[in-house]
mmCIF file of all heavy atoms, coordinates in Angstrom:
data_MODEL
# 
_entry.id   MODEL 
# 
loop_
_atom_site.group_PDB 
_atom_site.id 
_atom_site.type_symbol 
_atom_site.label_atom_id 
_atom_site.label_alt_id 
_atom_site.label_comp_id 
_atom_site.label_asym_id 
_atom_site.label_entity_id 
_atom_site.label_seq_id 
_atom_site.pdbx_PDB_ins_code 
_atom_site.Cartn_x 
_atom_site.Cartn_y 
_atom_site.Cartn_z 
_atom_site.occupancy 
_atom_site.B_iso_or_equiv 
_atom_site.pdbx_formal_charge 
_atom_site.auth_seq_id 
_atom_site.auth_comp_id 
_atom_site.auth_asym_id 
_atom_site.auth_atom_id 
_atom_site.pdbx_PDB_model_num 
ATOM 1   N N   . PHE A 1 1  ? -1.919 11.188  -2.295  1.00 0.00 ? 1  PHE A N   1 
ATOM 2   C CA  . PHE A 1 1  ? -2.849 10.597  -1.332  1.00 0.00 ? 1  PHE A CA  1 
ATOM 3   C C   . PHE A 1 1  ? -2.645 9.092   -1.252  1.00 0.00 ? 1  PHE A C   1 
ATOM 4   O O   . PHE A 1 1  ? -2.598 8.511   -0.159  1.00 0.00 ? 1  PHE A O   1 
ATOM 5   C CB  . PHE A 1 1  ? -4.296 10.915  -1.721  1.00 0.00 ? 1  PHE A CB  1 
ATOM 6   C CG  . PHE A 1 1  ? -5.289 9.910   -1.196  1.00 0.00 ? 1  PHE A CG  1 
ATOM 7   C CD1 . PHE A 1 1  ? -5.607 9.880   0.154   1.00 0.00 ? 1  PHE A CD1 1 
ATOM 8   C CD2 . PHE A 1 1  ? -5.876 8.983   -2.054  1.00 0.00 ? 1  PHE A CD2 1 
ATOM 9   C CE1 . PHE A 1 1  ? -6.508 8.929   0.643   1.00 0.00 ? 1  PHE A CE1 1 
ATOM 10  C CE2 . PHE A 1 1  ? -6.776 8.039   -1.569  1.00 0.00 ? 1  PHE A CE2 1 
ATOM 11  C CZ  . PHE A 1 1  ? -7.088 8.005   -0.213  1.00 0.00 ? 1  PHE A CZ  1 
ATOM 12  N N   . MET A 1 2  ? -2.520 8.442   -2.408  1.00 0.00 ? 2  MET A N   1 
ATOM 13  C CA  . MET A 1 2  ? -2.342 6.991   -2.419  1.00 0.00 ? 2  MET A CA  1 
ATOM 14  C C   . MET A 1 2  ? -1.062 6.575   -1.703  1.00 0.00 ? 2  MET A C   1 
ATOM 15  O O   . MET A 1 2  ? -1.062 5.618   -0.921  1.00 0.00 ? 2  MET A O   1 
ATOM 16  C CB  . MET A 1 2  ? -2.337 6.477   -3.860  1.00 0.00 ? 2  MET A CB  1 
ATOM 17  C CG  . MET A 1 2  ? -3.666 6.616   -4.584  1.00 0.00 ? 2  MET A CG  1 
ATOM 18  S SD  . MET A 1 2  ? -3.595 6.006   -6.295  1.00 0.00 ? 2  MET A SD  1 
ATOM 19  C CE  . MET A 1 2  ? -3.241 4.252   -6.027  1.00 0.00 ? 2  MET A CE  1 
ATOM 20  N N   . LEU A 1 3  ? 0.014  7.296   -1.952  1.00 0.00 ? 3  LEU A N   1 
ATOM 21  C CA  . LEU A 1 3  ? 1.304  6.918   -1.378  1.00 0.00 ? 3  LEU A CA  1 
ATOM 22  C C   . LEU A 1 3  ? 1.420  7.307   0.088   1.00 0.00 ? 3  LEU A C   1 
ATOM 23  O O   . LEU A 1 3  ? 1.898  6.514   0.919   1.00 0.00 ? 3  LEU A O   1 
ATOM 24  C CB  . LEU A 1 3  ? 2.439  7.574   -2.169  1.00 0.00 ? 3  LEU A CB  1 
ATOM 25  C CG  . LEU A 1 3  ? 2.619  7.150   -3.623  1.00 0.00 ? 3  LEU A CG  1 
ATOM 26  C CD1 . LEU A 1 3  ? 3.795  7.902   -4.228  1.00 0.00 ? 3  LEU A CD1 1 
ATOM 27  C CD2 . LEU A 1 3  ? 2.826  5.650   -3.751  1.00 0.00 ? 3  LEU A CD2 1 
ATOM 28  N N   . ASP A 1 4  ? 1.016  8.523   0.428   1.00 0.00 ? 4  ASP A N   1 
ATOM 29  C CA  . ASP A 1 4  ? 1.284  9.069   1.759   1.00 0.00 ? 4  ASP A CA  1 
ATOM 30  C C   . ASP A 1 4  ? 0.174  8.830   2.774   1.00 0.00 ? 4  ASP A C   1 
ATOM 31  O O   . ASP A 1 4  ? 0.435  8.805   3.986   1.00 0.00 ? 4  ASP A O   1 
ATOM 32  C CB  . ASP A 1 4  ? 1.542  10.579  1.666   1.00 0.00 ? 4  ASP A CB  1 
ATOM 33  C CG  . ASP A 1 4  ? 2.742  10.916  0.789   1.00 0.00 ? 4  ASP A CG  1 
ATOM 34  O OD1 . ASP A 1 4  ? 3.595  10.028  0.584   1.00 0.00 ? 4  ASP A OD1 1 
ATOM 35  O OD2 . ASP A 1 4  ? 2.804  12.061  0.296   1.00 0.00 ? 4  ASP A OD2 1 
ATOM 36  N N   . GLU A 1 5  ? -1.053 8.660   2.298   1.00 0.00 ? 5  GLU A N   1 
ATOM 37  C CA  . GLU A 1 5  ? -2.171 8.514   3.229   1.00 0.00 ? 5  GLU A CA  1 
ATOM 38  C C   . GLU A 1 5  ? -2.804 7.127   3.196   1.00 0.00 ? 5  GLU A C   1 
ATOM 39  O O   . GLU A 1 5  ? -3.149 6.569   4.234   1.00 0.00 ? 5  GLU A O   1 
ATOM 40  C CB  . GLU A 1 5  ? -3.225 9.576   2.936   1.00 0.00 ? 5  GLU A CB  1 
ATOM 41  C CG  . GLU A 1 5  ? -2.708 11.014  3.065   1.00 0.00 ? 5  GLU A CG  1 
ATOM 42  C CD  . GLU A 1 5  ? -3.785 12.046  2.807   1.00 0.00 ? 5  GLU A CD  1 
ATOM 43  O OE1 . GLU A 1 5  ? -4.675 12.189  3.673   1.00 0.00 ? 5  GLU A OE1 1 
ATOM 44  O OE2 . GLU A 1 5  ? -3.746 12.692  1.735   1.00 0.00 ? 5  GLU A OE2 1 
ATOM 45  N N   . LEU A 1 6  ? -2.968 6.552   1.996   1.00 0.00 ? 6  LEU A N   1 
ATOM 46  C CA  . LEU A 1 6  ? -3.609 5.244   1.893   1.00 0.00 ? 6  LEU A CA  1 
ATOM 47  C C   . LEU A 1 6  ? -2.643 4.096   2.184   1.00 0.00 ? 6  LEU A C   1 
ATOM 48  O O   . LEU A 1 6  ? -2.995 3.164   2.928   1.00 0.00 ? 6  LEU A O   1 
ATOM 49  C CB  . LEU A 1 6  ? -4.231 5.076   0.509   1.00 0.00 ? 6  LEU A CB  1 
ATOM 50  C CG  . LEU A 1 6  ? -4.900 3.729   0.224   1.00 0.00 ? 6  LEU A CG  1 
ATOM 51  C CD1 . LEU A 1 6  ? -5.988 3.433   1.255   1.00 0.00 ? 6  LEU A CD1 1 
ATOM 52  C CD2 . LEU A 1 6  ? -5.479 3.701   -1.194  1.00 0.00 ? 6  LEU A CD2 1 
ATOM 53  N N   . ARG A 1 7  ? -1.461 4.143   1.634   1.00 0.00 ? 7  ARG A N   1 
ATOM 54  C CA  . ARG A 1 7  ? -0.521 3.035   1.847   1.00 0.00 ? 7  ARG A CA  1 
ATOM 55  C C   . ARG A 1 7  ? -0.255 2.748   3.328   1.00 0.00 ? 7  ARG A C   1 
ATOM 56  O O   . ARG A 1 7  ? -0.239 1.578   3.720   1.00 0.00 ? 7  ARG A O   1 
ATOM 57  C CB  . ARG A 1 7  ? 0.799  3.299   1.118   1.00 0.00 ? 7  ARG A CB  1 
ATOM 58  C CG  . ARG A 1 7  ? 0.817  2.760   -0.290  1.00 0.00 ? 7  ARG A CG  1 
ATOM 59  C CD  . ARG A 1 7  ? 2.229  2.703   -0.842  1.00 0.00 ? 7  ARG A CD  1 
ATOM 60  N NE  . ARG A 1 7  ? 2.214  2.307   -2.239  1.00 0.00 ? 7  ARG A NE  1 
ATOM 61  C CZ  . ARG A 1 7  ? 3.313  2.162   -2.973  1.00 0.00 ? 7  ARG A CZ  1 
ATOM 62  N NH1 . ARG A 1 7  ? 4.495  2.400   -2.439  1.00 0.00 ? 7  ARG A NH1 1 
ATOM 63  N NH2 . ARG A 1 7  ? 3.228  1.799   -4.244  1.00 0.00 ? 7  ARG A NH2 1 
ATOM 64  N N   . PRO A 1 8  ? -0.022 3.758   4.157   1.00 0.00 ? 8  PRO A N   1 
ATOM 65  C CA  . PRO A 1 8  ? 0.204  3.458   5.582   1.00 0.00 ? 8  PRO A CA  1 
ATOM 66  C C   . PRO A 1 8  ? -0.968 2.723   6.231   1.00 0.00 ? 8  PRO A C   1 
ATOM 67  O O   . PRO A 1 8  ? -0.768 1.891   7.123   1.00 0.00 ? 8  PRO A O   1 
ATOM 68  C CB  . PRO A 1 8  ? 0.420  4.835   6.199   1.00 0.00 ? 8  PRO A CB  1 
ATOM 69  C CG  . PRO A 1 8  ? 0.945  5.670   5.077   1.00 0.00 ? 8  PRO A CG  1 
ATOM 70  C CD  . PRO A 1 8  ? 0.206  5.191   3.867   1.00 0.00 ? 8  PRO A CD  1 
ATOM 71  N N   . VAL A 1 9  ? -2.190 3.029   5.810   1.00 0.00 ? 9  VAL A N   1 
ATOM 72  C CA  . VAL A 1 9  ? -3.362 2.344   6.355   1.00 0.00 ? 9  VAL A CA  1 
ATOM 73  C C   . VAL A 1 9  ? -3.332 0.871   5.965   1.00 0.00 ? 9  VAL A C   1 
ATOM 74  O O   . VAL A 1 9  ? -3.585 -0.017  6.792   1.00 0.00 ? 9  VAL A O   1 
ATOM 75  C CB  . VAL A 1 9  ? -4.656 3.015   5.856   1.00 0.00 ? 9  VAL A CB  1 
ATOM 76  C CG1 . VAL A 1 9  ? -5.884 2.214   6.289   1.00 0.00 ? 9  VAL A CG1 1 
ATOM 77  C CG2 . VAL A 1 9  ? -4.753 4.438   6.379   1.00 0.00 ? 9  VAL A CG2 1 
ATOM 78  N N   . ILE A 1 10 ? -3.040 0.590   4.698   1.00 0.00 ? 10 ILE A N   1 
ATOM 79  C CA  . ILE A 1 10 ? -2.982 -0.798  4.231   1.00 0.00 ? 10 ILE A CA  1 
ATOM 80  C C   . ILE A 1 10 ? -1.820 -1.535  4.901   1.00 0.00 ? 10 ILE A C   1 
ATOM 81  O O   . ILE A 1 10 ? -1.952 -2.695  5.309   1.00 0.00 ? 10 ILE A O   1 
ATOM 82  C CB  . ILE A 1 10 ? -2.844 -0.846  2.695   1.00 0.00 ? 10 ILE A CB  1 
ATOM 83  C CG1 . ILE A 1 10 ? -4.012 -0.109  2.024   1.00 0.00 ? 10 ILE A CG1 1 
ATOM 84  C CG2 . ILE A 1 10 ? -2.774 -2.285  2.208   1.00 0.00 ? 10 ILE A CG2 1 
ATOM 85  C CD1 . ILE A 1 10 ? -5.380 -0.612  2.427   1.00 0.00 ? 10 ILE A CD1 1 
ATOM 86  N N   . ASP A 1 11 ? -0.696 -0.855  5.058   1.00 0.00 ? 11 ASP A N   1 
ATOM 87  C CA  . ASP A 1 11 ? 0.455  -1.468  5.725   1.00 0.00 ? 11 ASP A CA  1 
ATOM 88  C C   . ASP A 1 11 ? 0.127  -1.876  7.158   1.00 0.00 ? 11 ASP A C   1 
ATOM 89  O O   . ASP A 1 11 ? 0.688  -2.849  7.681   1.00 0.00 ? 11 ASP A O   1 
ATOM 90  C CB  . ASP A 1 11 ? 1.641  -0.492  5.738   1.00 0.00 ? 11 ASP A CB  1 
ATOM 91  C CG  . ASP A 1 11 ? 2.241  -0.268  4.350   1.00 0.00 ? 11 ASP A CG  1 
ATOM 92  O OD1 . ASP A 1 11 ? 1.853  -1.000  3.420   1.00 0.00 ? 11 ASP A OD1 1 
ATOM 93  O OD2 . ASP A 1 11 ? 3.078  0.634   4.210   1.00 0.00 ? 11 ASP A OD2 1 
ATOM 94  N N   . ALA A 1 12 ? -0.759 -1.127  7.803   1.00 0.00 ? 12 ALA A N   1 
ATOM 95  C CA  . ALA A 1 12 ? -1.142 -1.445  9.179   1.00 0.00 ? 12 ALA A CA  1 
ATOM 96  C C   . ALA A 1 12 ? -2.181 -2.565  9.245   1.00 0.00 ? 12 ALA A C   1 
ATOM 97  O O   . ALA A 1 12 ? -2.345 -3.201  10.288  1.00 0.00 ? 12 ALA A O   1 
ATOM 98  C CB  . ALA A 1 12 ? -1.688 -0.185  9.865   1.00 0.00 ? 12 ALA A CB  1 
ATOM 99  N N   . MET A 1 13 ? -2.874 -2.814  8.135   1.00 0.00 ? 13 MET A N   1 
ATOM 100 C CA  . MET A 1 13 ? -3.930 -3.826  8.116   1.00 0.00 ? 13 MET A CA  1 
ATOM 101 C C   . MET A 1 13 ? -3.397 -5.222  7.844   1.00 0.00 ? 13 MET A C   1 
ATOM 102 O O   . MET A 1 13 ? -3.870 -6.202  8.437   1.00 0.00 ? 13 MET A O   1 
ATOM 103 C CB  . MET A 1 13 ? -4.976 -3.474  7.045   1.00 0.00 ? 13 MET A CB  1 
ATOM 104 C CG  . MET A 1 13 ? -5.817 -2.259  7.349   1.00 0.00 ? 13 MET A CG  1 
ATOM 105 S SD  . MET A 1 13 ? -6.991 -1.901  6.008   1.00 0.00 ? 13 MET A SD  1 
ATOM 106 C CE  . MET A 1 13 ? -8.026 -3.361  6.051   1.00 0.00 ? 13 MET A CE  1 
ATOM 107 N N   . VAL A 1 14 ? -2.449 -5.338  6.923   1.00 0.00 ? 14 VAL A N   1 
ATOM 108 C CA  . VAL A 1 14 ? -1.934 -6.644  6.506   1.00 0.00 ? 14 VAL A CA  1 
ATOM 109 C C   . VAL A 1 14 ? -0.420 -6.582  6.376   1.00 0.00 ? 14 VAL A C   1 
ATOM 110 O O   . VAL A 1 14 ? 0.167  -5.500  6.293   1.00 0.00 ? 14 VAL A O   1 
ATOM 111 C CB  . VAL A 1 14 ? -2.544 -7.085  5.153   1.00 0.00 ? 14 VAL A CB  1 
ATOM 112 C CG1 . VAL A 1 14 ? -4.039 -7.272  5.250   1.00 0.00 ? 14 VAL A CG1 1 
ATOM 113 C CG2 . VAL A 1 14 ? -2.206 -6.085  4.050   1.00 0.00 ? 14 VAL A CG2 1 
ATOM 114 N N   . LYS A 1 15 ? 0.191  -7.750  6.349   1.00 0.00 ? 15 LYS A N   1 
ATOM 115 C CA  . LYS A 1 15 ? 1.632  -7.826  6.117   1.00 0.00 ? 15 LYS A CA  1 
ATOM 116 C C   . LYS A 1 15 ? 1.883  -7.609  4.630   1.00 0.00 ? 15 LYS A C   1 
ATOM 117 O O   . LYS A 1 15 ? 1.422  -8.389  3.800   1.00 0.00 ? 15 LYS A O   1 
ATOM 118 C CB  . LYS A 1 15 ? 2.171  -9.180  6.566   1.00 0.00 ? 15 LYS A CB  1 
ATOM 119 C CG  . LYS A 1 15 ? 3.678  -9.305  6.464   1.00 0.00 ? 15 LYS A CG  1 
ATOM 120 C CD  . LYS A 1 15 ? 4.152  -10.656 6.970   1.00 0.00 ? 15 LYS A CD  1 
ATOM 121 C CE  . LYS A 1 15 ? 5.675  -10.764 6.882   1.00 0.00 ? 15 LYS A CE  1 
ATOM 122 N NZ  . LYS A 1 15 ? 6.148  -12.095 7.350   1.00 0.00 ? 15 LYS A NZ  1 
ATOM 123 N N   . VAL A 1 16 ? 2.608  -6.553  4.284   1.00 0.00 ? 16 VAL A N   1 
ATOM 124 C CA  . VAL A 1 16 ? 2.757  -6.120  2.894   1.00 0.00 ? 16 VAL A CA  1 
ATOM 125 C C   . VAL A 1 16 ? 4.150  -6.424  2.363   1.00 0.00 ? 16 VAL A C   1 
ATOM 126 O O   . VAL A 1 16 ? 5.154  -6.166  3.033   1.00 0.00 ? 16 VAL A O   1 
ATOM 127 C CB  . VAL A 1 16 ? 2.496  -4.598  2.782   1.00 0.00 ? 16 VAL A CB  1 
ATOM 128 C CG1 . VAL A 1 16 ? 2.797  -4.085  1.381   1.00 0.00 ? 16 VAL A CG1 1 
ATOM 129 C CG2 . VAL A 1 16 ? 1.060  -4.278  3.176   1.00 0.00 ? 16 VAL A CG2 1 
ATOM 130 N N   . ASP A 1 17 ? 4.199  -6.976  1.147   1.00 0.00 ? 17 ASP A N   1 
ATOM 131 C CA  . ASP A 1 17 ? 5.456  -7.100  0.418   1.00 0.00 ? 17 ASP A CA  1 
ATOM 132 C C   . ASP A 1 17 ? 5.673  -5.775  -0.309  1.00 0.00 ? 17 ASP A C   1 
ATOM 133 O O   . ASP A 1 17 ? 5.076  -5.520  -1.348  1.00 0.00 ? 17 ASP A O   1 
ATOM 134 C CB  . ASP A 1 17 ? 5.376  -8.260  -0.578  1.00 0.00 ? 17 ASP A CB  1 
ATOM 135 C CG  . ASP A 1 17 ? 6.689  -8.471  -1.339  1.00 0.00 ? 17 ASP A CG  1 
ATOM 136 O OD1 . ASP A 1 17 ? 7.588  -7.612  -1.240  1.00 0.00 ? 17 ASP A OD1 1 
ATOM 137 O OD2 . ASP A 1 17 ? 6.803  -9.492  -2.048  1.00 0.00 ? 17 ASP A OD2 1 
ATOM 138 N N   . LYS A 1 18 ? 6.523  -4.939  0.234   1.00 0.00 ? 18 LYS A N   1 
ATOM 139 C CA  . LYS A 1 18 ? 6.705  -3.596  -0.320  1.00 0.00 ? 18 LYS A CA  1 
ATOM 140 C C   . LYS A 1 18 ? 7.343  -3.627  -1.709  1.00 0.00 ? 18 LYS A C   1 
ATOM 141 O O   . LYS A 1 18 ? 7.309  -2.633  -2.435  1.00 0.00 ? 18 LYS A O   1 
ATOM 142 C CB  . LYS A 1 18 ? 7.524  -2.741  0.638   1.00 0.00 ? 18 LYS A CB  1 
ATOM 143 C CG  . LYS A 1 18 ? 6.816  -2.495  1.973   1.00 0.00 ? 18 LYS A CG  1 
ATOM 144 C CD  . LYS A 1 18 ? 7.595  -1.549  2.841   1.00 0.00 ? 18 LYS A CD  1 
ATOM 145 C CE  . LYS A 1 18 ? 6.921  -1.387  4.213   1.00 0.00 ? 18 LYS A CE  1 
ATOM 146 N NZ  . LYS A 1 18 ? 5.590  -0.784  4.123   1.00 0.00 ? 18 LYS A NZ  1 
ATOM 147 N N   . GLY A 1 19 ? 7.924  -4.748  -2.084  1.00 0.00 ? 19 GLY A N   1 
ATOM 148 C CA  . GLY A 1 19 ? 8.520  -4.864  -3.404  1.00 0.00 ? 19 GLY A CA  1 
ATOM 149 C C   . GLY A 1 19 ? 7.590  -5.453  -4.444  1.00 0.00 ? 19 GLY A C   1 
ATOM 150 O O   . GLY A 1 19 ? 7.993  -5.664  -5.592  1.00 0.00 ? 19 GLY A O   1 
ATOM 151 N N   . ASP A 1 20 ? 6.339  -5.737  -4.058  1.00 0.00 ? 20 ASP A N   1 
ATOM 152 C CA  . ASP A 1 20 ? 5.394  -6.344  -4.989  1.00 0.00 ? 20 ASP A CA  1 
ATOM 153 C C   . ASP A 1 20 ? 4.046  -5.648  -4.872  1.00 0.00 ? 20 ASP A C   1 
ATOM 154 O O   . ASP A 1 20 ? 3.062  -6.221  -4.419  1.00 0.00 ? 20 ASP A O   1 
ATOM 155 C CB  . ASP A 1 20 ? 5.249  -7.838  -4.708  1.00 0.00 ? 20 ASP A CB  1 
ATOM 156 C CG  . ASP A 1 20 ? 4.576  -8.584  -5.859  1.00 0.00 ? 20 ASP A CG  1 
ATOM 157 O OD1 . ASP A 1 20 ? 4.162  -7.924  -6.838  1.00 0.00 ? 20 ASP A OD1 1 
ATOM 158 O OD2 . ASP A 1 20 ? 4.460  -9.818  -5.780  1.00 0.00 ? 20 ASP A OD2 1 
ATOM 159 N N   . GLN A 1 21 ? 4.022  -4.388  -5.287  1.00 0.00 ? 21 GLN A N   1 
ATOM 160 C CA  . GLN A 1 21 ? 2.794  -3.612  -5.293  1.00 0.00 ? 21 GLN A CA  1 
ATOM 161 C C   . GLN A 1 21 ? 2.463  -3.217  -6.731  1.00 0.00 ? 21 GLN A C   1 
ATOM 162 O O   . GLN A 1 21 ? 3.362  -2.963  -7.536  1.00 0.00 ? 21 GLN A O   1 
ATOM 163 C CB  . GLN A 1 21 ? 2.935  -2.383  -4.396  1.00 0.00 ? 21 GLN A CB  1 
ATOM 164 C CG  . GLN A 1 21 ? 3.321  -2.751  -2.971  1.00 0.00 ? 21 GLN A CG  1 
ATOM 165 C CD  . GLN A 1 21 ? 3.076  -1.641  -1.978  1.00 0.00 ? 21 GLN A CD  1 
ATOM 166 O OE1 . GLN A 1 21 ? 1.980  -1.105  -1.874  1.00 0.00 ? 21 GLN A OE1 1 
ATOM 167 N NE2 . GLN A 1 21 ? 4.111  -1.288  -1.232  1.00 0.00 ? 21 GLN A NE2 1 
ATOM 168 N N   . SER A 1 22 ? 1.172  -3.167  -7.038  1.00 0.00 ? 22 SER A N   1 
ATOM 169 C CA  . SER A 1 22 ? 0.731  -2.970  -8.418  1.00 0.00 ? 22 SER A CA  1 
ATOM 170 C C   . SER A 1 22 ? -0.356 -1.917  -8.498  1.00 0.00 ? 22 SER A C   1 
ATOM 171 O O   . SER A 1 22 ? -1.096 -1.679  -7.541  1.00 0.00 ? 22 SER A O   1 
ATOM 172 C CB  . SER A 1 22 ? 0.200  -4.292  -8.992  1.00 0.00 ? 22 SER A CB  1 
ATOM 173 O OG  . SER A 1 22 ? 1.155  -5.328  -8.880  1.00 0.00 ? 22 SER A OG  1 
ATOM 174 N N   . LEU A 1 23 ? -0.456 -1.310  -9.679  1.00 0.00 ? 23 LEU A N   1 
ATOM 175 C CA  . LEU A 1 23 ? -1.467 -0.284  -9.962  1.00 0.00 ? 23 LEU A CA  1 
ATOM 176 C C   . LEU A 1 23 ? -2.246 -0.683  -11.200 1.00 0.00 ? 23 LEU A C   1 
ATOM 177 O O   . LEU A 1 23 ? -1.652 -1.049  -12.223 1.00 0.00 ? 23 LEU A O   1 
ATOM 178 C CB  . LEU A 1 23 ? -0.799 1.070   -10.182 1.00 0.00 ? 23 LEU A CB  1 
ATOM 179 C CG  . LEU A 1 23 ? -1.706 2.233   -10.600 1.00 0.00 ? 23 LEU A CG  1 
ATOM 180 C CD1 . LEU A 1 23 ? -2.721 2.566   -9.508  1.00 0.00 ? 23 LEU A CD1 1 
ATOM 181 C CD2 . LEU A 1 23 ? -0.870 3.468   -10.950 1.00 0.00 ? 23 LEU A CD2 1 
ATOM 182 N N   . MET A 1 24 ? -3.579 -0.617  -11.119 1.00 0.00 ? 24 MET A N   1 
ATOM 183 C CA  . MET A 1 24 ? -4.438 -0.946  -12.251 1.00 0.00 ? 24 MET A CA  1 
ATOM 184 C C   . MET A 1 24 ? -5.438 0.168   -12.494 1.00 0.00 ? 24 MET A C   1 
ATOM 185 O O   . MET A 1 24 ? -6.140 0.595   -11.569 1.00 0.00 ? 24 MET A O   1 
ATOM 186 C CB  . MET A 1 24 ? -5.180 -2.259  -12.009 1.00 0.00 ? 24 MET A CB  1 
ATOM 187 C CG  . MET A 1 24 ? -6.118 -2.658  -13.147 1.00 0.00 ? 24 MET A CG  1 
ATOM 188 S SD  . MET A 1 24 ? -7.181 -4.087  -12.724 1.00 0.00 ? 24 MET A SD  1 
ATOM 189 C CE  . MET A 1 24 ? -5.957 -5.376  -12.557 1.00 0.00 ? 24 MET A CE  1 
ATOM 190 N N   . GLY A 1 25 ? -5.511 0.651   -13.735 1.00 0.00 ? 25 GLY A N   1 
ATOM 191 C CA  . GLY A 1 25 ? -6.488 1.673   -14.085 1.00 0.00 ? 25 GLY A CA  1 
ATOM 192 C C   . GLY A 1 25 ? -7.015 1.458   -15.490 1.00 0.00 ? 25 GLY A C   1 
ATOM 193 O O   . GLY A 1 25 ? -6.326 0.874   -16.340 1.00 0.00 ? 25 GLY A O   1 
# 
């Protein structure tokens, strides 16, 4: 869900550096 459904939404909202993404849990 995070990769296939959420990421495209964020990519459409802001200019994304696809090589600088992080995960925190």
